[in-house]
Amino acid sequence: MAGKIIIDTERCKGCGLCVAVCPKKAIIISKNSNSMGYFPAEANNTGCTGCTMCAIICPDAVIEVLRDESGDVEIIVEHGQKIKSKPIKGKNAPKD
């Protein structure tokens, strides 16, 4: 599944957490500063799978993750929003 990320570079402070957690190295720190003087993260979307790790770790919630193909999933993490997870079911699920 292919993914795409959109980063609001004007709100990004360039902390680099998204760069560190991206398994496909699809995010870099820009060489150009934004209007606030920060060097924001920048998407190059090369190899992005839409895993959402960058959006989850972003402390300023400035990353939007899109997935295409049959997934038709759009994940937008708003500031202060909690990510909900579903319990694992099946024979390989962890026991309580």
C-alpha atoms as a PDB file:
ATOM      1  CA  MET A   1       0.000   0.000   0.000  1.00  0.00           C
ATOM      2  CA  ALA A   2       1.365   3.404  -0.936  1.00  0.00           C
ATOM      3  CA  GLY A   3       1.090   6.386   1.333  1.00  0.00           C
ATOM      4  CA  LYS A   4       1.580  10.100   1.228  1.00  0.00           C
ATOM      5  CA  ILE A   5       2.208  12.618   3.967  1.00  0.00           C
ATOM      6  CA  ILE A   6       1.476  16.312   4.046  1.00  0.00           C
ATOM      7  CA  ILE A   7       3.321  18.474   6.570  1.00  0.00           C
ATOM      8  CA  ASP A   8       2.190  21.962   7.541  1.00  0.00           C
ATOM      9  CA  THR A   9       5.690  23.430   7.289  1.00  0.00           C
ATOM     10  CA  GLU A  10       4.628  26.801   8.709  1.00  0.00           C
ATOM     11  CA  ARG A  11       3.564  25.169  11.995  1.00  0.00           C
ATOM     12  CA  CYS A  12       6.412  22.611  12.146  1.00  0.00           C
ATOM     13  CA  LYS A  13       9.220  23.388  14.599  1.00  0.00           C
ATOM     14  CA  GLY A  14      11.660  20.901  13.075  1.00  0.00           C
ATOM     15  CA  CYS A  15      12.098  18.703  16.159  1.00  0.00           C
ATOM     16  CA  GLY A  16      13.010  15.728  13.931  1.00  0.00           C
ATOM     17  CA  LEU A  17      10.946  13.112  15.780  1.00  0.00           C
ATOM     18  CA  CYS A  18       9.085  12.191  12.588  1.00  0.00           C
ATOM     19  CA  VAL A  19      12.388  11.792  10.741  1.00  0.00           C
ATOM     20  CA  ALA A  20      13.649   9.453  13.468  1.00  0.00           C
ATOM     21  CA  VAL A  21      10.587   7.161  13.469  1.00  0.00           C
ATOM     22  CA  CYS A  22       9.978   6.905   9.723  1.00  0.00           C
ATOM     23  CA  PRO A  23      10.901   3.339   8.723  1.00  0.00           C
ATOM     24  CA  LYS A  24      11.208   4.304   5.034  1.00  0.00           C
ATOM     25  CA  LYS A  25      13.126   7.577   5.555  1.00  0.00           C
ATOM     26  CA  ALA A  26      10.392   9.450   3.655  1.00  0.00           C
ATOM     27  CA  ILE A  27      10.853  12.625   5.728  1.00  0.00           C
ATOM     28  CA  ILE A  28      13.797  15.000   5.816  1.00  0.00           C
ATOM     29  CA  ILE A  29      14.574  18.300   7.554  1.00  0.00           C
ATOM     30  CA  SER A  30      14.313  21.188   5.106  1.00  0.00           C
ATOM     31  CA  LYS A  31      17.285  23.360   4.242  1.00  0.00           C
ATOM     32  CA  ASN A  32      14.931  26.358   4.138  1.00  0.00           C
ATOM     33  CA  SER A  33      13.428  27.949   7.233  1.00  0.00           C
ATOM     34  CA  ASN A  34       9.760  28.777   7.687  1.00  0.00           C
ATOM     35  CA  SER A  35       8.421  32.220   8.692  1.00  0.00           C
ATOM     36  CA  MET A  36       9.088  31.435  12.365  1.00  0.00           C
ATOM     37  CA  GLY A  37      12.776  30.690  11.681  1.00  0.00           C
ATOM     38  CA  TYR A  38      12.503  26.920  12.193  1.00  0.00           C
ATOM     39  CA  PHE A  39      13.813  24.355   9.723  1.00  0.00           C
ATOM     40  CA  PRO A  40      10.700  22.190   9.313  1.00  0.00           C
ATOM     41  CA  ALA A  41      10.331  18.575   8.357  1.00  0.00           C
ATOM     42  CA  GLU A  42       9.652  18.015   4.701  1.00  0.00           C
ATOM     43  CA  ALA A  43       8.031  15.056   2.973  1.00  0.00           C
ATOM     44  CA  ASN A  44       9.786  13.461   0.047  1.00  0.00           C
ATOM     45  CA  ASN A  45       7.180  10.634   0.002  1.00  0.00           C
ATOM     46  CA  THR A  46       9.681   8.210  -1.487  1.00  0.00           C
ATOM     47  CA  GLY A  47       8.650   4.770  -0.286  1.00  0.00           C
ATOM     48  CA  CYS A  48       6.028   6.073   2.174  1.00  0.00           C
ATOM     49  CA  THR A  49       3.702   3.258   3.223  1.00  0.00           C
ATOM     50  CA  GLY A  50       1.250   5.391   5.197  1.00  0.00           C
ATOM     51  CA  CYS A  51       2.159   3.700   8.484  1.00  0.00           C
ATOM     52  CA  THR A  52       1.183   6.891  10.438  1.00  0.00           C
ATOM     53  CA  MET A  53       4.133   6.678  12.847  1.00  0.00           C
ATOM     54  CA  CYS A  54       5.158  10.241  11.942  1.00  0.00           C
ATOM     55  CA  ALA A  55       1.692  11.667  12.623  1.00  0.00           C
ATOM     56  CA  ILE A  56       1.426   9.827  15.930  1.00  0.00           C
ATOM     57  CA  ILE A  57       4.813  11.042  17.230  1.00  0.00           C
ATOM     58  CA  CYS A  58       4.409  14.674  16.065  1.00  0.00           C
ATOM     59  CA  PRO A  59       3.997  16.850  19.182  1.00  0.00           C
ATOM     60  CA  ASP A  60       2.435  19.683  17.174  1.00  0.00           C
ATOM     61  CA  ALA A  61       0.059  17.509  15.078  1.00  0.00           C
ATOM     62  CA  VAL A  62       1.163  19.065  11.791  1.00  0.00           C
ATOM     63  CA  ILE A  63       1.335  15.840   9.747  1.00  0.00           C
ATOM     64  CA  GLU A  64      -1.500  14.446   7.651  1.00  0.00           C
ATOM     65  CA  VAL A  65      -1.194  10.864   6.386  1.00  0.00           C
ATOM     66  CA  LEU A  66      -3.006   9.607   3.302  1.00  0.00           C
ATOM     67  CA  ARG A  67      -3.174   6.068   1.971  1.00  0.00           C
ATOM     68  CA  ASP A  68      -4.286   5.109  -1.503  1.00  0.00           C
ATOM     69  CA  GLU A  69      -5.249   1.953  -3.350  1.00  0.00           C
ATOM     70  CA  SER A  70      -7.906  -0.234  -1.713  1.00  0.00           C
ATOM     71  CA  GLY A  71      -7.293   1.145   1.792  1.00  0.00           C
ATOM     72  CA  ASP A  72      -9.026   4.490   1.191  1.00  0.00           C
ATOM     73  CA  VAL A  73      -7.818   5.614   4.612  1.00  0.00           C
ATOM     74  CA  GLU A  74      -7.148   9.200   5.593  1.00  0.00           C
ATOM     75  CA  ILE A  75      -5.683   9.822   9.010  1.00  0.00           C
ATOM     76  CA  ILE A  76      -5.457  13.320  10.398  1.00  0.00           C
ATOM     77  CA  VAL A  77      -4.129  13.707  13.914  1.00  0.00           C
ATOM     78  CA  GLU A  78      -5.515  16.836  15.555  1.00  0.00           C
ATOM     79  CA  HIS A  79      -3.742  18.515  18.466  1.00  0.00           C
ATOM     80  CA  GLY A  80      -4.797  16.834  21.710  1.00  0.00           C
ATOM     81  CA  GLN A  81      -6.568  13.952  19.967  1.00  0.00           C
ATOM     82  CA  LYS A  82      -6.010  10.496  21.405  1.00  0.00           C
ATOM     83  CA  ILE A  83      -5.327   7.615  19.056  1.00  0.00           C
ATOM     84  CA  LYS A  84      -7.667   4.701  19.667  1.00  0.00           C
ATOM     85  CA  SER A  85      -6.531   1.159  19.115  1.00  0.00           C
ATOM     86  CA  LYS A  86      -8.539  -2.017  18.746  1.00  0.00           C
ATOM     87  CA  PRO A  87      -7.697  -5.130  20.774  1.00  0.00           C
ATOM     88  CA  ILE A  88      -5.975  -7.961  18.941  1.00  0.00           C
ATOM     89  CA  LYS A  89      -8.238 -10.966  18.426  1.00  0.00           C
ATOM     90  CA  GLY A  90      -7.400 -14.437  17.273  1.00  0.00           C
ATOM     91  CA  LYS A  91      -5.369 -17.402  18.372  1.00  0.00           C
ATOM     92  CA  ASN A  92      -2.078 -15.422  18.477  1.00  0.00           C
ATOM     93  CA  ALA A  93      -3.491 -12.636  20.659  1.00  0.00           C
ATOM     94  CA  PRO A  94      -1.669 -11.923  23.922  1.00  0.00           C
ATOM     95  CA  LYS A  95      -3.270 -13.390  27.037  1.00  0.00           C
ATOM     96  CA  ASP A  96      -4.305 -11.107  29.908  1.00  0.00           C
END
